[in-house]
Amino acid sequence: MSLYSKIIATKRTLIPFSTLSQENDITQVKEKLGKKIKNLFKGSLAIREVDAGSTNAEEHELTALANTFYDSERFGIHFVASPRHADMLMVTGPVSRNMAIALKKTYEATPDPKIVVAVGDGAIDGGIFKGSYAIVGGVHEVIPVHFEIPGDPPSPKVILTSLLHILELIEGGNAA
């Protein structure tokens, strides 16, 4: 019963449209994102995704970025297998106790400058698993987090729009 009461008490994360870029058309977001990646990363943003204990919902949304509709590869977003080749770490899920050391090692293997993005409510603060004996907490409990993309899970459009916002902050020198 405590799990049910926790689920009922947990607020749903609704992202007001005003917090996202004012772009209604995903094509415009992708084109702007491609230009930012070309300027900041010389054409290719390498992302290493780390599942620190999620329910796989965020992974499905990140995988959707490679489908024919979003086609993130066309705009220079590449998911890489090794953290040694990554410009950005995207971490999903609350950090389970079993994954804390692996996440820290992945972070240490990523070359500087590192950009760490917590994707989803679980990665931000533990989500519905907050307070569980099996998790350490949000990603910030194990490694420094520079940006957060809220949602349970965030949609591919929200992820792309958030990436555009992150790159705009980096380009403007306002990165955390």
Protein backbone atom coordinates (compact mmCIF):
# COMPACT_ATOMS: atom_id res chain seq x y z
CA MET A 1 0.00 0.00 0.00
CA SER A 2 2.87 2.40 0.64
CA LEU A 3 3.91 2.17 -3.02
CA TYR A 4 0.37 3.02 -4.16
CA SER A 5 0.18 6.00 -1.83
CA LYS A 6 3.59 7.15 -3.05
CA ILE A 7 2.44 6.90 -6.68
CA ILE A 8 -0.74 8.83 -5.95
CA ALA A 9 1.14 11.51 -3.97
CA THR A 10 3.80 12.01 -6.65
CA LYS A 11 2.97 15.03 -8.79
CA ARG A 12 2.98 14.55 -12.50
CA THR A 13 5.62 16.58 -14.24
CA LEU A 14 3.92 18.76 -16.80
CA ILE A 15 6.24 20.89 -18.82
CA PRO A 16 4.55 24.14 -19.70
CA PHE A 17 4.93 24.86 -23.37
CA SER A 18 6.26 28.33 -22.50
CA THR A 19 9.38 26.76 -20.96
CA LEU A 20 10.22 25.08 -24.22
CA SER A 21 11.44 26.91 -27.27
CA GLN A 22 8.59 28.74 -28.96
CA GLU A 23 9.03 26.56 -32.04
CA ASN A 24 5.91 24.61 -32.99
CA ASP A 25 7.58 22.88 -35.90
CA ILE A 26 10.11 20.18 -35.04
CA THR A 27 11.82 20.80 -38.39
CA GLN A 28 12.81 24.31 -37.30
CA VAL A 29 14.15 22.96 -34.00
CA LYS A 30 16.20 20.31 -35.83
CA GLU A 31 17.64 22.85 -38.28
CA LYS A 32 18.66 25.21 -35.48
CA LEU A 33 20.11 22.30 -33.54
CA GLY A 34 22.14 21.22 -36.57
CA LYS A 35 23.59 24.73 -36.93
CA LYS A 36 24.52 24.90 -33.23
CA ILE A 37 26.20 21.47 -33.40
CA LYS A 38 28.13 22.53 -36.50
CA ASN A 39 29.33 25.72 -34.79
CA LEU A 40 30.14 24.30 -31.35
CA PHE A 41 31.28 20.76 -32.13
CA LYS A 42 32.52 21.07 -35.72
CA GLY A 43 29.57 19.08 -37.03
CA SER A 44 29.17 16.17 -34.62
CA LEU A 45 27.87 15.92 -31.05
CA ALA A 46 28.83 12.54 -29.58
CA ILE A 47 26.53 11.41 -26.77
CA ARG A 48 27.10 8.49 -24.41
CA GLU A 49 23.82 7.37 -22.84
CA VAL A 50 24.04 5.72 -19.44
CA ASP A 51 21.11 3.85 -17.92
CA ALA A 52 21.74 4.18 -14.19
CA GLY A 53 18.65 2.23 -13.18
CA SER A 54 15.70 3.47 -15.22
CA THR A 55 12.54 1.71 -16.31
CA ASN A 56 13.72 1.97 -19.94
CA ALA A 57 11.07 4.56 -20.83
CA GLU A 58 13.71 7.25 -21.36
CA GLU A 59 15.82 4.86 -23.47
CA HIS A 60 12.88 4.25 -25.79
CA GLU A 61 12.50 8.01 -26.28
CA LEU A 62 16.23 8.45 -26.91
CA THR A 63 16.13 5.56 -29.39
CA ALA A 64 13.26 7.30 -31.18
CA LEU A 65 15.64 10.17 -31.97
CA ALA A 66 17.26 7.90 -34.55
CA ASN A 67 14.03 6.96 -36.34
CA THR A 68 13.11 8.40 -39.73
CA PHE A 69 10.91 11.17 -38.31
CA TYR A 70 13.46 12.74 -35.94
CA ASP A 71 16.61 11.54 -37.79
CA SER A 72 19.06 13.03 -35.28
CA GLU A 73 22.06 11.57 -37.15
CA ARG A 74 21.34 13.93 -40.03
CA PHE A 75 21.93 16.90 -37.75
CA GLY A 76 25.13 15.58 -36.21
CA ILE A 77 23.87 13.86 -33.07
CA HIS A 78 25.62 10.52 -32.64
CA PHE A 79 25.26 8.04 -29.81
CA VAL A 80 28.62 6.42 -29.10
CA ALA A 81 29.53 3.20 -27.31
CA SER A 82 32.55 4.51 -25.45
CA PRO A 83 32.61 7.42 -23.00
CA ARG A 84 36.12 8.17 -24.29
CA HIS A 85 34.53 9.38 -27.55
CA ALA A 86 31.71 11.38 -25.94
CA ASP A 87 31.15 15.11 -25.70
CA MET A 88 28.03 14.66 -23.55
CA LEU A 89 26.74 12.12 -21.05
CA MET A 90 22.98 11.61 -20.93
CA VAL A 91 22.06 9.72 -17.78
CA THR A 92 18.63 8.17 -17.32
CA GLY A 93 16.94 6.75 -14.26
CA PRO A 94 17.61 7.07 -10.56
CA VAL A 95 21.09 5.82 -9.74
CA SER A 96 20.80 2.34 -8.29
CA ARG A 97 23.34 1.29 -5.69
CA ASN A 98 24.72 -1.27 -8.17
CA MET A 99 25.29 1.38 -10.86
CA ALA A 100 26.85 4.17 -8.77
CA ILE A 101 30.46 3.01 -9.25
CA ALA A 102 29.93 2.29 -12.97
CA LEU A 103 28.44 5.75 -13.48
CA LYS A 104 31.36 7.38 -11.71
CA LYS A 105 33.86 5.41 -13.83
CA THR A 106 32.00 6.39 -17.00
CA TYR A 107 32.12 10.05 -15.93
CA GLU A 108 35.85 9.82 -15.23
CA ALA A 109 36.48 8.17 -18.63
CA THR A 110 34.73 11.00 -20.48
CA PRO A 111 37.20 13.61 -21.74
CA ASP A 112 37.01 17.23 -20.58
CA PRO A 113 35.06 19.41 -21.07
CA LYS A 114 32.19 17.19 -19.95
CA ILE A 115 28.52 17.99 -20.35
CA VAL A 116 26.28 15.90 -18.10
CA VAL A 117 22.52 15.87 -18.69
CA ALA A 118 20.05 14.13 -16.37
CA VAL A 119 17.18 12.88 -18.55
CA GLY A 120 13.85 12.23 -16.85
CA ASP A 121 12.45 12.72 -13.38
CA GLY A 122 14.19 9.63 -12.01
CA ALA A 123 17.60 10.96 -13.03
CA ILE A 124 16.85 14.40 -11.64
CA ASP A 125 15.74 13.47 -8.13
CA GLY A 126 14.91 9.77 -7.97
CA GLY A 127 11.35 10.15 -9.30
CA ILE A 128 8.85 7.71 -7.82
CA PHE A 129 11.75 5.65 -6.47
CA LYS A 130 12.98 8.52 -4.27
CA GLY A 131 13.74 7.24 -0.79
CA SER A 132 13.99 3.59 -1.85
CA TYR A 133 16.69 1.50 -0.23
CA ALA A 134 17.83 0.33 -3.68
CA ILE A 135 18.84 3.72 -5.07
CA VAL A 136 21.41 6.33 -4.21
CA GLY A 137 19.17 9.09 -5.56
CA GLY A 138 19.37 11.40 -8.54
CA VAL A 139 22.44 11.57 -10.76
CA HIS A 140 23.70 14.66 -8.91
CA GLU A 141 24.30 12.43 -5.86
CA VAL A 142 27.08 10.60 -7.76
CA ILE A 143 28.44 12.96 -10.42
CA PRO A 144 28.03 16.67 -11.21
CA VAL A 145 25.01 17.44 -13.39
CA HIS A 146 25.05 20.48 -15.67
CA PHE A 147 21.57 20.27 -17.20
CA GLU A 148 18.26 18.51 -16.56
CA ILE A 149 15.51 17.46 -18.96
CA PRO A 150 12.35 16.81 -16.93
CA GLY A 151 9.60 14.42 -17.87
CA ASP A 152 8.52 10.89 -17.15
CA PRO A 153 9.74 10.20 -19.80
CA PRO A 154 10.47 13.31 -21.87
CA SER A 155 9.35 12.97 -25.47
CA PRO A 156 11.86 13.09 -28.34
CA LYS A 157 10.60 16.59 -29.19
CA VAL A 158 11.21 17.75 -25.62
CA ILE A 159 14.68 16.17 -25.68
CA LEU A 160 15.61 17.89 -28.97
CA THR A 161 14.19 21.22 -27.84
CA SER A 162 16.05 20.93 -24.55
CA LEU A 163 19.28 20.05 -26.39
CA LEU A 164 18.86 23.18 -28.49
CA HIS A 165 18.38 25.23 -25.32
CA ILE A 166 21.45 23.61 -23.71
CA LEU A 167 23.61 24.37 -26.75
CA GLU A 168 22.34 27.95 -26.81
CA LEU A 169 23.38 28.34 -23.16
CA ILE A 170 26.80 26.84 -23.87
CA GLU A 171 27.29 29.05 -26.92
CA GLY A 172 26.31 32.12 -24.91
CA GLY A 173 28.67 31.18 -22.08
CA ASN A 174 25.81 30.71 -19.59
CA ALA A 175 26.45 27.01 -18.95
CA ALA A 176 26.46 25.87 -15.34
